[in-house]
Amino acid sequence: MAPALTAALLPPLLWVFGDAADRWWYSETSGTDYQVRVVGLVAVGVVLAVLGARERLAGPFFAGILALSSIVLIQLIELGRFLPQWVSFAVAGVLLVAAGARWEWVRGISVRGSRWVRQLR
């Protein structure tokens, strides 16, 4: 079910992304059709995610989460053009520090696990 739902949501998502890219490059204002498309995709994504979670169906849940994540990413990219450049560097730095901390935590777990396995001999 997930591939069919994702394939059905892909054209409108690409359309919204194309409209957002046009506004990004050509500094156009968003029209009513863009706003209706975004609200419609958010509504469909929420309905699919809630339905999938409620009925314990992975297909609609992940398709809804994909649609919602894509819309949020597009809106964040649109917001990014109004923020100073240092904010993007700060966000990237925070994400890299978090990824490094996670990497060290997982590495520590594997080191402790390998020590435990060596002690079993």
PDB file of N, CA and C in Angstrom:
ATOM      1  N   MET A   1       0.805  -1.179   0.000  1.00  0.00           N
ATOM      2  CA  MET A   1       0.000   0.000   0.000  1.00  0.00           C
ATOM      3  C   MET A   1       0.863   1.263   0.000  1.00  0.00           C
ATOM      4  N   ALA A   2       2.015   1.207   0.632  1.00  0.00           N
ATOM      5  CA  ALA A   2       2.879   2.386   0.741  1.00  0.00           C
ATOM      6  C   ALA A   2       3.385   2.875  -0.620  1.00  0.00           C
ATOM      7  N   PRO A   3       3.837   1.984  -1.530  1.00  0.00           N
ATOM      8  CA  PRO A   3       4.300   2.492  -2.823  1.00  0.00           C
ATOM      9  C   PRO A   3       3.197   3.188  -3.623  1.00  0.00           C
ATOM     10  N   ALA A   4       1.983   2.650  -3.566  1.00  0.00           N
ATOM     11  CA  ALA A   4       0.880   3.264  -4.316  1.00  0.00           C
ATOM     12  C   ALA A   4       0.517   4.634  -3.734  1.00  0.00           C
ATOM     13  N   LEU A   5       0.448   4.732  -2.419  1.00  0.00           N
ATOM     14  CA  LEU A   5       0.132   6.015  -1.792  1.00  0.00           C
ATOM     15  C   LEU A   5       1.245   7.036  -2.020  1.00  0.00           C
ATOM     16  N   THR A   6       2.480   6.582  -1.946  1.00  0.00           N
ATOM     17  CA  THR A   6       3.603   7.486  -2.187  1.00  0.00           C
ATOM     18  C   THR A   6       3.603   7.962  -3.637  1.00  0.00           C
ATOM     19  N   ALA A   7       3.326   7.057  -4.563  1.00  0.00           N
ATOM     20  CA  ALA A   7       3.254   7.445  -5.975  1.00  0.00           C
ATOM     21  C   ALA A   7       2.110   8.423  -6.223  1.00  0.00           C
ATOM     22  N   ALA A   8       1.023   8.282  -5.478  1.00  0.00           N
ATOM     23  CA  ALA A   8      -0.104   9.205  -5.641  1.00  0.00           C
ATOM     24  C   ALA A   8       0.212  10.579  -5.048  1.00  0.00           C
ATOM     25  N   LEU A   9       1.023  10.620  -3.996  1.00  0.00           N
ATOM     26  CA  LEU A   9       1.356  11.893  -3.361  1.00  0.00           C
ATOM     27  C   LEU A   9       2.546  12.591  -4.007  1.00  0.00           C
ATOM     28  N   LEU A  10       3.320  11.871  -4.791  1.00  0.00           N
ATOM     29  CA  LEU A  10       4.532  12.443  -5.370  1.00  0.00           C
ATOM     30  C   LEU A  10       4.279  13.601  -6.339  1.00  0.00           C
ATOM     31  N   PRO A  11       3.345  13.513  -7.298  1.00  0.00           N
ATOM     32  CA  PRO A  11       3.141  14.656  -8.206  1.00  0.00           C
ATOM     33  C   PRO A  11       2.735  15.955  -7.501  1.00  0.00           C
ATOM     34  N   PRO A  12       1.777  15.944  -6.555  1.00  0.00           N
ATOM     35  CA  PRO A  12       1.475  17.205  -5.887  1.00  0.00           C
ATOM     36  C   PRO A  12       2.633  17.735  -5.044  1.00  0.00           C
ATOM     37  N   LEU A  13       3.409  16.839  -4.447  1.00  0.00           N
ATOM     38  CA  LEU A  13       4.566  17.284  -3.676  1.00  0.00           C
ATOM     39  C   LEU A  13       5.610  17.932  -4.584  1.00  0.00           C
ATOM     40  N   LEU A  14       5.833  17.331  -5.737  1.00  0.00           N
ATOM     41  CA  LEU A  14       6.780  17.923  -6.682  1.00  0.00           C
ATOM     42  C   LEU A  14       6.268  19.264  -7.207  1.00  0.00           C
ATOM     43  N   TRP A  15       4.969  19.376  -7.388  1.00  0.00           N
ATOM     44  CA  TRP A  15       4.378  20.626  -7.834  1.00  0.00           C
ATOM     45  C   TRP A  15       4.589  21.726  -6.795  1.00  0.00           C
ATOM     46  N   VAL A  16       4.356  21.404  -5.532  1.00  0.00           N
ATOM     47  CA  VAL A  16       4.570  22.374  -4.453  1.00  0.00           C
ATOM     48  C   VAL A  16       6.049  22.735  -4.376  1.00  0.00           C
ATOM     49  N   PHE A  17       6.930  21.743  -4.509  1.00  0.00           N
ATOM     50  CA  PHE A  17       8.359  22.022  -4.482  1.00  0.00           C
ATOM     51  C   PHE A  17       8.763  22.915  -5.647  1.00  0.00           C
ATOM     52  N   GLY A  18       8.209  22.668  -6.825  1.00  0.00           N
ATOM     53  CA  GLY A  18       8.501  23.524  -7.983  1.00  0.00           C
ATOM     54  C   GLY A  18       8.031  24.949  -7.783  1.00  0.00           C
ATOM     55  N   ASP A  19       6.835  25.113  -7.210  1.00  0.00           N
ATOM     56  CA  ASP A  19       6.347  26.468  -6.913  1.00  0.00           C
ATOM     57  C   ASP A  19       7.240  27.167  -5.902  1.00  0.00           C
ATOM     58  N   ALA A  20       7.679  26.432  -4.885  1.00  0.00           N
ATOM     59  CA  ALA A  20       8.556  27.016  -3.873  1.00  0.00           C
ATOM     60  C   ALA A  20       9.908  27.382  -4.476  1.00  0.00           C
ATOM     61  N   ALA A  21      10.410  26.547  -5.376  1.00  0.00           N
ATOM     62  CA  ALA A  21      11.690  26.845  -6.031  1.00  0.00           C
ATOM     63  C   ALA A  21      11.574  28.070  -6.929  1.00  0.00           C
ATOM     64  N   ASP A  22      10.457  28.212  -7.627  1.00  0.00           N
ATOM     65  CA  ASP A  22      10.255  29.411  -8.448  1.00  0.00           C
ATOM     66  C   ASP A  22      10.248  30.665  -7.591  1.00  0.00           C
ATOM     67  N   ARG A  23       9.582  30.584  -6.453  1.00  0.00           N
ATOM     68  CA  ARG A  23       9.557  31.745  -5.570  1.00  0.00           C
ATOM     69  C   ARG A  23      10.938  32.036  -5.004  1.00  0.00           C
ATOM     70  N   TRP A  24      11.693  30.981  -4.745  1.00  0.00           N
ATOM     71  CA  TRP A  24      13.032  31.144  -4.194  1.00  0.00           C
ATOM     72  C   TRP A  24      13.934  31.861  -5.200  1.00  0.00           C
ATOM     73  N   TRP A  25      13.894  31.420  -6.460  1.00  0.00           N
ATOM     74  CA  TRP A  25      14.804  31.972  -7.451  1.00  0.00           C
ATOM     75  C   TRP A  25      14.310  33.297  -8.016  1.00  0.00           C
ATOM     76  N   TYR A  26      13.009  33.461  -8.161  1.00  0.00           N
ATOM     77  CA  TYR A  26      12.497  34.649  -8.829  1.00  0.00           C
ATOM     78  C   TYR A  26      11.799  35.615  -7.881  1.00  0.00           C
ATOM     79  N   SER A  27      11.822  35.347  -6.595  1.00  0.00           N
ATOM     80  CA  SER A  27      11.241  36.208  -5.553  1.00  0.00           C
ATOM     81  C   SER A  27       9.780  36.548  -5.834  1.00  0.00           C
ATOM     82  N   GLU A  28       9.029  35.560  -6.230  1.00  0.00           N
ATOM     83  CA  GLU A  28       7.605  35.767  -6.465  1.00  0.00           C
ATOM     84  C   GLU A  28       6.834  35.546  -5.175  1.00  0.00           C
ATOM     85  N   THR A  29       5.629  36.057  -5.111  1.00  0.00           N
ATOM     86  CA  THR A  29       4.779  35.810  -3.951  1.00  0.00           C
ATOM     87  C   THR A  29       3.955  34.549  -4.194  1.00  0.00           C
ATOM     88  N   SER A  30       3.565  33.901  -3.119  1.00  0.00           N
ATOM     89  CA  SER A  30       2.785  32.675  -3.273  1.00  0.00           C
ATOM     90  C   SER A  30       1.341  33.018  -3.604  1.00  0.00           C
ATOM     91  N   GLY A  31       0.778  32.262  -4.516  1.00  0.00           N
ATOM     92  CA  GLY A  31      -0.602  32.475  -4.915  1.00  0.00           C
ATOM     93  C   GLY A  31      -1.556  31.635  -4.089  1.00  0.00           C
ATOM     94  N   THR A  32      -2.823  31.837  -4.347  1.00  0.00           N
ATOM     95  CA  THR A  32      -3.851  31.095  -3.629  1.00  0.00           C
ATOM     96  C   THR A  32      -3.787  29.606  -3.959  1.00  0.00           C
ATOM     97  N   ASP A  33      -3.489  29.271  -5.207  1.00  0.00           N
ATOM     98  CA  ASP A  33      -3.423  27.862  -5.583  1.00  0.00           C
ATOM     99  C   ASP A  33      -2.320  27.130  -4.824  1.00  0.00           C
ATOM    100  N   TYR A  34      -1.208  27.812  -4.589  1.00  0.00           N
ATOM    101  CA  TYR A  34      -0.123  27.205  -3.815  1.00  0.00           C
ATOM    102  C   TYR A  34      -0.567  26.959  -2.375  1.00  0.00           C
ATOM    103  N   GLN A  35      -1.211  27.939  -1.776  1.00  0.00           N
ATOM    104  CA  GLN A  35      -1.666  27.794  -0.392  1.00  0.00           C
ATOM    105  C   GLN A  35      -2.689  26.674  -0.256  1.00  0.00           C
ATOM    106  N   VAL A  36      -3.606  26.581  -1.223  1.00  0.00           N
ATOM    107  CA  VAL A  36      -4.617  25.514  -1.194  1.00  0.00           C
ATOM    108  C   VAL A  36      -3.948  24.149  -1.336  1.00  0.00           C
ATOM    109  N   ARG A  37      -2.947  24.055  -2.221  1.00  0.00           N
ATOM    110  CA  ARG A  37      -2.241  22.798  -2.418  1.00  0.00           C
ATOM    111  C   ARG A  37      -1.513  22.373  -1.140  1.00  0.00           C
ATOM    112  N   VAL A  38      -0.853  23.331  -0.487  1.00  0.00           N
ATOM    113  CA  VAL A  38      -0.116  23.010   0.742  1.00  0.00           C
ATOM    114  C   VAL A  38      -1.071  22.558   1.841  1.00  0.00           C
ATOM    115  N   VAL A  39      -2.165  23.291   2.024  1.00  0.00           N
ATOM    116  CA  VAL A  39      -3.138  22.924   3.061  1.00  0.00           C
ATOM    117  C   VAL A  39      -3.762  21.566   2.745  1.00  0.00           C
ATOM    118  N   GLY A  40      -4.055  21.319   1.484  1.00  0.00           N
ATOM    119  CA  GLY A  40      -4.619  20.028   1.086  1.00  0.00           C
ATOM    120  C   GLY A  40      -3.659  18.879   1.342  1.00  0.00           C
ATOM    121  N   LEU A  41      -2.373  19.083   1.008  1.00  0.00           N
ATOM    122  CA  LEU A  41      -1.391  18.020   1.250  1.00  0.00           C
ATOM    123  C   LEU A  41      -1.170  17.787   2.739  1.00  0.00           C
ATOM    124  N   VAL A  42      -1.183  18.860   3.524  1.00  0.00           N
ATOM    125  CA  VAL A  42      -1.046  18.686   4.972  1.00  0.00           C
ATOM    126  C   VAL A  42      -2.248  17.910   5.514  1.00  0.00           C
ATOM    127  N   ALA A  43      -3.442  18.240   5.052  1.00  0.00           N
ATOM    128  CA  ALA A  43      -4.644  17.530   5.516  1.00  0.00           C
ATOM    129  C   ALA A  43      -4.588  16.053   5.120  1.00  0.00           C
ATOM    130  N   VAL A  44      -4.214  15.769   3.893  1.00  0.00           N
ATOM    131  CA  VAL A  44      -4.121  14.379   3.436  1.00  0.00           C
ATOM    132  C   VAL A  44      -3.037  13.640   4.229  1.00  0.00           C
ATOM    133  N   GLY A  45      -1.899  14.294   4.460  1.00  0.00           N
ATOM    134  CA  GLY A  45      -0.824  13.673   5.231  1.00  0.00           C
ATOM    135  C   GLY A  45      -1.242  13.357   6.657  1.00  0.00           C
ATOM    136  N   VAL A  46      -1.956  14.284   7.287  1.00  0.00           N
ATOM    137  CA  VAL A  46      -2.414  14.055   8.663  1.00  0.00           C
ATOM    138  C   VAL A  46      -3.426  12.916   8.700  1.00  0.00           C
ATOM    139  N   VAL A  47      -4.362  12.919   7.745  1.00  0.00           N
ATOM    140  CA  VAL A  47      -5.378  11.851   7.712  1.00  0.00           C
ATOM    141  C   VAL A  47      -4.710  10.493   7.497  1.00  0.00           C
ATOM    142  N   LEU A  48      -3.756  10.416   6.570  1.00  0.00           N
ATOM    143  CA  LEU A  48      -3.079   9.145   6.316  1.00  0.00           C
ATOM    144  C   LEU A  48      -2.269   8.691   7.527  1.00  0.00           C
ATOM    145  N   ALA A  49      -1.556   9.611   8.163  1.00  0.00           N
ATOM    146  CA  ALA A  49      -0.739   9.249   9.324  1.00  0.00           C
ATOM    147  C   ALA A  49      -1.610   8.789  10.491  1.00  0.00           C
ATOM    148  N   VAL A  50      -2.686   9.505  10.745  1.00  0.00           N
ATOM    149  CA  VAL A  50      -3.572   9.131  11.853  1.00  0.00           C
ATOM    150  C   VAL A  50      -4.278   7.816  11.551  1.00  0.00           C
ATOM    151  N   LEU A  51      -4.764   7.664  10.325  1.00  0.00           N
ATOM    152  CA  LEU A  51      -5.424   6.414   9.939  1.00  0.00           C
ATOM    153  C   LEU A  51      -4.461   5.238  10.035  1.00  0.00           C
ATOM    154  N   GLY A  52      -3.252   5.427   9.538  1.00  0.00           N
ATOM    155  CA  GLY A  52      -2.265   4.354   9.602  1.00  0.00           C
ATOM    156  C   GLY A  52      -1.883   4.002  11.022  1.00  0.00           C
ATOM    157  N   ALA A  53      -1.748   5.010  11.888  1.00  0.00           N
ATOM    158  CA  ALA A  53      -1.397   4.741  13.286  1.00  0.00           C
ATOM    159  C   ALA A  53      -2.557   4.078  14.016  1.00  0.00           C
ATOM    160  N   ARG A  54      -3.747   4.537  13.734  1.00  0.00           N
ATOM    161  CA  ARG A  54      -4.922   4.011  14.429  1.00  0.00           C
ATOM    162  C   ARG A  54      -5.236   2.565  14.026  1.00  0.00           C
ATOM    163  N   GLU A  55      -5.099   2.280  12.744  1.00  0.00           N
ATOM    164  CA  GLU A  55      -5.401   0.938  12.246  1.00  0.00           C
ATOM    165  C   GLU A  55      -4.171   0.031  12.192  1.00  0.00           C
ATOM    166  N   ARG A  56      -3.039   0.559  12.623  1.00  0.00           N
ATOM    167  CA  ARG A  56      -1.769  -0.168  12.617  1.00  0.00           C
ATOM    168  C   ARG A  56      -1.405  -0.663  11.226  1.00  0.00           C
ATOM    169  N   LEU A  57      -1.500   0.266  10.269  1.00  0.00           N
ATOM    170  CA  LEU A  57      -1.117  -0.008   8.884  1.00  0.00           C
ATOM    171  C   LEU A  57       0.104   0.844   8.559  1.00  0.00           C
ATOM    172  N   ALA A  58       1.185   0.212   8.194  1.00  0.00           N
ATOM    173  CA  ALA A  58       2.419   0.936   7.937  1.00  0.00           C
ATOM    174  C   ALA A  58       2.346   1.766   6.653  1.00  0.00           C
ATOM    175  N   GLY A  59       1.639   1.283   5.641  1.00  0.00           N
ATOM    176  CA  GLY A  59       1.587   1.973   4.354  1.00  0.00           C
ATOM    177  C   GLY A  59       1.040   3.386   4.451  1.00  0.00           C
ATOM    178  N   PRO A  60      -0.175   3.558   4.928  1.00  0.00           N
ATOM    179  CA  PRO A  60      -0.700   4.923   5.041  1.00  0.00           C
ATOM    180  C   PRO A  60       0.083   5.781   6.033  1.00  0.00           C
ATOM    181  N   PHE A  61       0.559   5.171   7.104  1.00  0.00           N
ATOM    182  CA  PHE A  61       1.299   5.938   8.108  1.00  0.00           C
ATOM    183  C   PHE A  61       2.563   6.540   7.504  1.00  0.00           C
ATOM    184  N   PHE A  62       3.373   5.718   6.837  1.00  0.00           N
ATOM    185  CA  PHE A  62       4.623   6.225   6.288  1.00  0.00           C
ATOM    186  C   PHE A  62       4.400   7.158   5.100  1.00  0.00           C
ATOM    187  N   ALA A  63       3.366   6.914   4.306  1.00  0.00           N
ATOM    188  CA  ALA A  63       3.050   7.838   3.212  1.00  0.00           C
ATOM    189  C   ALA A  63       2.626   9.198   3.768  1.00  0.00           C
ATOM    190  N   GLY A  64       1.834   9.206   4.828  1.00  0.00           N
ATOM    191  CA  GLY A  64       1.420  10.462   5.461  1.00  0.00           C
ATOM    192  C   GLY A  64       2.591  11.188   6.086  1.00  0.00           C
ATOM    193  N   ILE A  65       3.465  10.448   6.760  1.00  0.00           N
ATOM    194  CA  ILE A  65       4.650  11.059   7.370  1.00  0.00           C
ATOM    195  C   ILE A  65       5.574  11.616   6.289  1.00  0.00           C
ATOM    196  N   LEU A  66       5.695  10.920   5.161  1.00  0.00           N
ATOM    197  CA  LEU A  66       6.512  11.417   4.056  1.00  0.00           C
ATOM    198  C   LEU A  66       5.947  12.728   3.515  1.00  0.00           C
ATOM    199  N   ALA A  67       4.637  12.783   3.337  1.00  0.00           N
ATOM    200  CA  ALA A  67       4.006  14.013   2.834  1.00  0.00           C
ATOM    201  C   ALA A  67       4.196  15.165   3.818  1.00  0.00           C
ATOM    202  N   LEU A  68       3.967  14.906   5.096  1.00  0.00           N
ATOM    203  CA  LEU A  68       4.121  15.956   6.103  1.00  0.00           C
ATOM    204  C   LEU A  68       5.569  16.410   6.223  1.00  0.00           C
ATOM    205  N   SER A  69       6.494  15.475   6.198  1.00  0.00           N
ATOM    206  CA  SER A  69       7.912  15.829   6.292  1.00  0.00           C
ATOM    207  C   SER A  69       8.352  16.656   5.086  1.00  0.00           C
ATOM    208  N   SER A  70       7.862  16.297   3.916  1.00  0.00           N
ATOM    209  CA  SER A  70       8.218  17.050   2.710  1.00  0.00           C
ATOM    210  C   SER A  70       7.685  18.475   2.770  1.00  0.00           C
ATOM    211  N   ILE A  71       6.439  18.634   3.212  1.00  0.00           N
ATOM    212  CA  ILE A  71       5.860  19.973   3.317  1.00  0.00           C
ATOM    213  C   ILE A  71       6.621  20.808   4.352  1.00  0.00           C
ATOM    214  N   VAL A  72       6.950  20.200   5.485  1.00  0.00           N
ATOM    215  CA  VAL A  72       7.704  20.921   6.513  1.00  0.00           C
ATOM    216  C   VAL A  72       9.075  21.318   5.979  1.00  0.00           C
ATOM    217  N   LEU A  73       9.744  20.430   5.260  1.00  0.00           N
ATOM    218  CA  LEU A  73      11.045  20.747   4.690  1.00  0.00           C
ATOM    219  C   LEU A  73      10.945  21.892   3.688  1.00  0.00           C
ATOM    220  N   ILE A  74       9.929  21.864   2.839  1.00  0.00           N
ATOM    221  CA  ILE A  74       9.733  22.942   1.862  1.00  0.00           C
ATOM    222  C   ILE A  74       9.483  24.265   2.578  1.00  0.00           C
ATOM    223  N   GLN A  75       8.673  24.244   3.634  1.00  0.00           N
ATOM    224  CA  GLN A  75       8.389  25.480   4.367  1.00  0.00           C
ATOM    225  C   GLN A  75       9.634  25.986   5.098  1.00  0.00           C
ATOM    226  N   LEU A  76      10.464  25.086   5.609  1.00  0.00           N
ATOM    227  CA  LEU A  76      11.699  25.509   6.266  1.00  0.00           C
ATOM    228  C   LEU A  76      12.678  26.112   5.273  1.00  0.00           C
ATOM    229  N   ILE A  77      12.736  25.546   4.077  1.00  0.00           N
ATOM    230  CA  ILE A  77      13.610  26.109   3.046  1.00  0.00           C
ATOM    231  C   ILE A  77      13.126  27.505   2.657  1.00  0.00           C
ATOM    232  N   GLU A  78      11.810  27.667   2.564  1.00  0.00           N
ATOM    233  CA  GLU A  78      11.276  28.990   2.253  1.00  0.00           C
ATOM    234  C   GLU A  78      11.584  29.987   3.364  1.00  0.00           C
ATOM    235  N   LEU A  79      11.513  29.536   4.602  1.00  0.00           N
ATOM    236  CA  LEU A  79      11.830  30.403   5.728  1.00  0.00           C
ATOM    237  C   LEU A  79      13.308  30.756   5.741  1.00  0.00           C
ATOM    238  N   GLY A  80      14.135  29.850   5.241  1.00  0.00           N
ATOM    239  CA  GLY A  80      15.577  30.045   5.253  1.00  0.00           C
ATOM    240  C   GLY A  80      16.060  31.240   4.460  1.00  0.00           C
ATOM    241  N   ARG A  81      15.339  31.656   3.475  1.00  0.00           N
ATOM    242  CA  ARG A  81      15.813  32.795   2.690  1.00  0.00           C
ATOM    243  C   ARG A  81      15.675  34.109   3.449  1.00  0.00           C
ATOM    244  N   PHE A  82      14.899  34.128   4.526  1.00  0.00           N
ATOM    245  CA  PHE A  82      14.741  35.342   5.313  1.00  0.00           C
ATOM    246  C   PHE A  82      15.677  35.383   6.519  1.00  0.00           C
ATOM    247  N   LEU A  83      16.350  34.278   6.802  1.00  0.00           N
ATOM    248  CA  LEU A  83      17.243  34.214   7.952  1.00  0.00           C
ATOM    249  C   LEU A  83      18.660  34.584   7.545  1.00  0.00           C
ATOM    250  N   PRO A  84      19.438  35.126   8.478  1.00  0.00           N
ATOM    251  CA  PRO A  84      20.847  35.401   8.166  1.00  0.00           C
ATOM    252  C   PRO A  84      21.620  34.100   7.938  1.00  0.00           C
ATOM    253  N   GLN A  85      22.731  34.222   7.249  1.00  0.00           N
ATOM    254  CA  GLN A  85      23.495  33.032   6.873  1.00  0.00           C
ATOM    255  C   GLN A  85      24.074  32.316   8.094  1.00  0.00           C
ATOM    256  N   TRP A  86      24.403  33.026   9.139  1.00  0.00           N
ATOM    257  CA  TRP A  86      25.004  32.385  10.309  1.00  0.00           C
ATOM    258  C   TRP A  86      24.042  31.415  10.989  1.00  0.00           C
ATOM    259  N   VAL A  87      22.723  31.642  10.821  1.00  0.00           N
ATOM    260  CA  VAL A  87      21.750  30.738  11.437  1.00  0.00           C
ATOM    261  C   VAL A  87      21.862  29.343  10.810  1.00  0.00           C
ATOM    262  N   SER A  88      22.041  29.288   9.493  1.00  0.00           N
ATOM    263  CA  SER A  88      22.174  27.984   8.846  1.00  0.00           C
ATOM    264  C   SER A  88      23.452  27.287   9.292  1.00  0.00           C
ATOM    265  N   PHE A  89      24.536  28.051   9.479  1.00  0.00           N
ATOM    266  CA  PHE A  89      25.766  27.445   9.979  1.00  0.00           C
ATOM    267  C   PHE A  89      25.596  26.957  11.415  1.00  0.00           C
ATOM    268  N   ALA A  90      24.866  27.703  12.226  1.00  0.00           N
ATOM    269  CA  ALA A  90      24.620  27.289  13.609  1.00  0.00           C
ATOM    270  C   ALA A  90      23.791  26.011  13.656  1.00  0.00           C
ATOM    271  N   VAL A  91      22.760  25.938  12.820  1.00  0.00           N
ATOM    272  CA  VAL A  91      21.920  24.726  12.780  1.00  0.00           C
ATOM    273  C   VAL A  91      22.744  23.532  12.307  1.00  0.00           C
ATOM    274  N   ALA A  92      23.568  23.740  11.273  1.00  0.00           N
ATOM    275  CA  ALA A  92      24.416  22.650  10.786  1.00  0.00           C
ATOM    276  C   ALA A  92      25.399  22.217  11.864  1.00  0.00           C
ATOM    277  N   GLY A  93      25.958  23.162  12.611  1.00  0.00           N
ATOM    278  CA  GLY A  93      26.879  22.827  13.693  1.00  0.00           C
ATOM    279  C   GLY A  93      26.213  22.028  14.790  1.00  0.00           C
ATOM    280  N   VAL A  94      25.011  22.438  15.175  1.00  0.00           N
ATOM    281  CA  VAL A  94      24.275  21.706  16.212  1.00  0.00           C
ATOM    282  C   VAL A  94      23.971  20.287  15.744  1.00  0.00           C
ATOM    283  N   LEU A  95      23.552  20.141  14.486  1.00  0.00           N
ATOM    284  CA  LEU A  95      23.265  18.802  13.958  1.00  0.00           C
ATOM    285  C   LEU A  95      24.518  17.933  13.907  1.00  0.00           C
ATOM    286  N   LEU A  96      25.662  18.529  13.540  1.00  0.00           N
ATOM    287  CA  LEU A  96      26.905  17.760  13.505  1.00  0.00           C
ATOM    288  C   LEU A  96      27.356  17.352  14.908  1.00  0.00           C
ATOM    289  N   VAL A  97      27.202  18.243  15.877  1.00  0.00           N
ATOM    290  CA  VAL A  97      27.557  17.891  17.253  1.00  0.00           C
ATOM    291  C   VAL A  97      26.647  16.765  17.758  1.00  0.00           C
ATOM    292  N   ALA A  98      25.342  16.857  17.463  1.00  0.00           N
ATOM    293  CA  ALA A  98      24.413  15.806  17.884  1.00  0.00           C
ATOM    294  C   ALA A  98      24.758  14.484  17.206  1.00  0.00           C
ATOM    295  N   ALA A  99      25.080  14.517  15.917  1.00  0.00           N
ATOM    296  CA  ALA A  99      25.452  13.284  15.211  1.00  0.00           C
ATOM    297  C   ALA A  99      26.741  12.702  15.781  1.00  0.00           C
ATOM    298  N   GLY A 100      27.708  13.548  16.116  1.00  0.00           N
ATOM    299  CA  GLY A 100      28.954  13.073  16.713  1.00  0.00           C
ATOM    300  C   GLY A 100      28.733  12.461  18.083  1.00  0.00           C
ATOM    301  N   ALA A 101      27.869  13.093  18.889  1.00  0.00           N
ATOM    302  CA  ALA A 101      27.564  12.546  20.210  1.00  0.00           C
ATOM    303  C   ALA A 101      26.887  11.186  20.076  1.00  0.00           C
ATOM    304  N   ARG A 102      25.978  11.072  19.155  1.00  0.00           N
ATOM    305  CA  ARG A 102      25.295   9.794  18.925  1.00  0.00           C
ATOM    306  C   ARG A 102      26.294   8.734  18.470  1.00  0.00           C
ATOM    307  N   TRP A 103      27.195   9.114  17.566  1.00  0.00           N
ATOM    308  CA  TRP A 103      28.213   8.185  17.075  1.00  0.00           C
ATOM    309  C   TRP A 103      29.073   7.683  18.230  1.00  0.00           C
ATOM    310  N   GLU A 104      29.525   8.567  19.097  1.00  0.00           N
ATOM    311  CA  GLU A 104      30.362   8.164  20.228  1.00  0.00           C
ATOM    312  C   GLU A 104      29.579   7.290  21.208  1.00  0.00           C
ATOM    313  N   TRP A 105      28.313   7.578  21.407  1.00  0.00           N
ATOM    314  CA  TRP A 105      27.486   6.771  22.302  1.00  0.00           C
ATOM    315  C   TRP A 105      27.346   5.345  21.760  1.00  0.00           C
ATOM    316  N   VAL A 106      27.052   5.215  20.463  1.00  0.00           N
ATOM    317  CA  VAL A 106      26.913   3.890  19.845  1.00  0.00           C
ATOM    318  C   VAL A 106      28.258   3.165  19.861  1.00  0.00           C
ATOM    319  N   ARG A 107      29.342   3.889  19.608  1.00  0.00           N
ATOM    320  CA  ARG A 107      30.665   3.283  19.642  1.00  0.00           C
ATOM    321  C   ARG A 107      30.997   2.789  21.053  1.00  0.00           C
ATOM    322  N   GLY A 108      30.617   3.559  22.060  1.00  0.00           N
ATOM    323  CA  GLY A 108      30.836   3.139  23.444  1.00  0.00           C
ATOM    324  C   GLY A 108      30.072   1.876  23.787  1.00  0.00           C
ATOM    325  N   ILE A 109      28.847   1.771  23.293  1.00  0.00           N
ATOM    326  CA  ILE A 109      28.056   0.558  23.515  1.00  0.00           C
ATOM    327  C   ILE A 109      28.741  -0.646  22.871  1.00  0.00           C
ATOM    328  N   SER A 110      29.264  -0.474  21.665  1.00  0.00           N
ATOM    329  CA  SER A 110      29.921  -1.600  20.987  1.00  0.00           C
ATOM    330  C   SER A 110      31.214  -1.981  21.690  1.00  0.00           C
ATOM    331  N   VAL A 111      31.950  -1.006  22.223  1.00  0.00           N
ATOM    332  CA  VAL A 111      33.180  -1.318  22.963  1.00  0.00           C
ATOM    333  C   VAL A 111      32.844  -2.098  24.230  1.00  0.00           C
ATOM    334  N   ARG A 112      31.827  -1.655  24.954  1.00  0.00           N
ATOM    335  CA  ARG A 112      31.420  -2.378  26.161  1.00  0.00           C
ATOM    336  C   ARG A 112      30.928  -3.781  25.813  1.00  0.00           C
ATOM    337  N   GLY A 113      30.197  -3.892  24.709  1.00  0.00           N
ATOM    338  CA  GLY A 113      29.716  -5.208  24.284  1.00  0.00           C
ATOM    339  C   GLY A 113      30.849  -6.135  23.903  1.00  0.00           C
ATOM    340  N   SER A 114      31.855  -5.625  23.207  1.00  0.00           N
ATOM    341  CA  SER A 114      32.988  -6.472  22.824  1.00  0.00           C
ATOM    342  C   SER A 114      33.806  -6.877  24.045  1.00  0.00           C
ATOM    343  N   ARG A 115      33.925  -5.976  25.040  1.00  0.00           N
ATOM    344  CA  ARG A 115      34.612  -6.347  26.294  1.00  0.00           C
ATOM    345  C   ARG A 115      33.847  -7.475  27.005  1.00  0.00           C
ATOM    346  N   TRP A 116      32.546  -7.363  27.030  1.00  0.00           N
ATOM    347  CA  TRP A 116      31.730  -8.385  27.677  1.00  0.00           C
ATOM    348  C   TRP A 116      31.874  -9.730  26.997  1.00  0.00           C
ATOM    349  N   VAL A 117      31.893  -9.714  25.643  1.00  0.00           N
ATOM    350  CA  VAL A 117      32.052 -10.960  24.894  1.00  0.00           C
ATOM    351  C   VAL A 117      33.432 -11.560  25.155  1.00  0.00           C
ATOM    352  N   ARG A 118      34.484 -10.733  25.233  1.00  0.00           N
ATOM    353  CA  ARG A 118      35.827 -11.238  25.524  1.00  0.00           C
ATOM    354  C   ARG A 118      35.896 -11.850  26.924  1.00  0.00           C
ATOM    355  N   GLN A 119      35.137 -11.301  27.860  1.00  0.00           N
ATOM    356  CA  GLN A 119      35.159 -11.826  29.218  1.00  0.00           C
ATOM    357  C   GLN A 119      34.442 -13.171  29.325  1.00  0.00           C
ATOM    358  N   LEU A 120      33.637 -13.524  28.349  1.00  0.00           N
ATOM    359  CA  LEU A 120      32.921 -14.793  28.389  1.00  0.00           C
ATOM    360  C   LEU A 120      33.842 -15.986  28.165  1.00  0.00           C
ATOM    361  N   ARG A 121      35.006 -15.764  27.614  1.00  0.00           N
ATOM    362  CA  ARG A 121      35.911 -16.884  27.307  1.00  0.00           C
ATOM    363  C   ARG A 121      36.414 -17.530  28.519  1.00  0.00           C
TER     364      ARG A 121
END
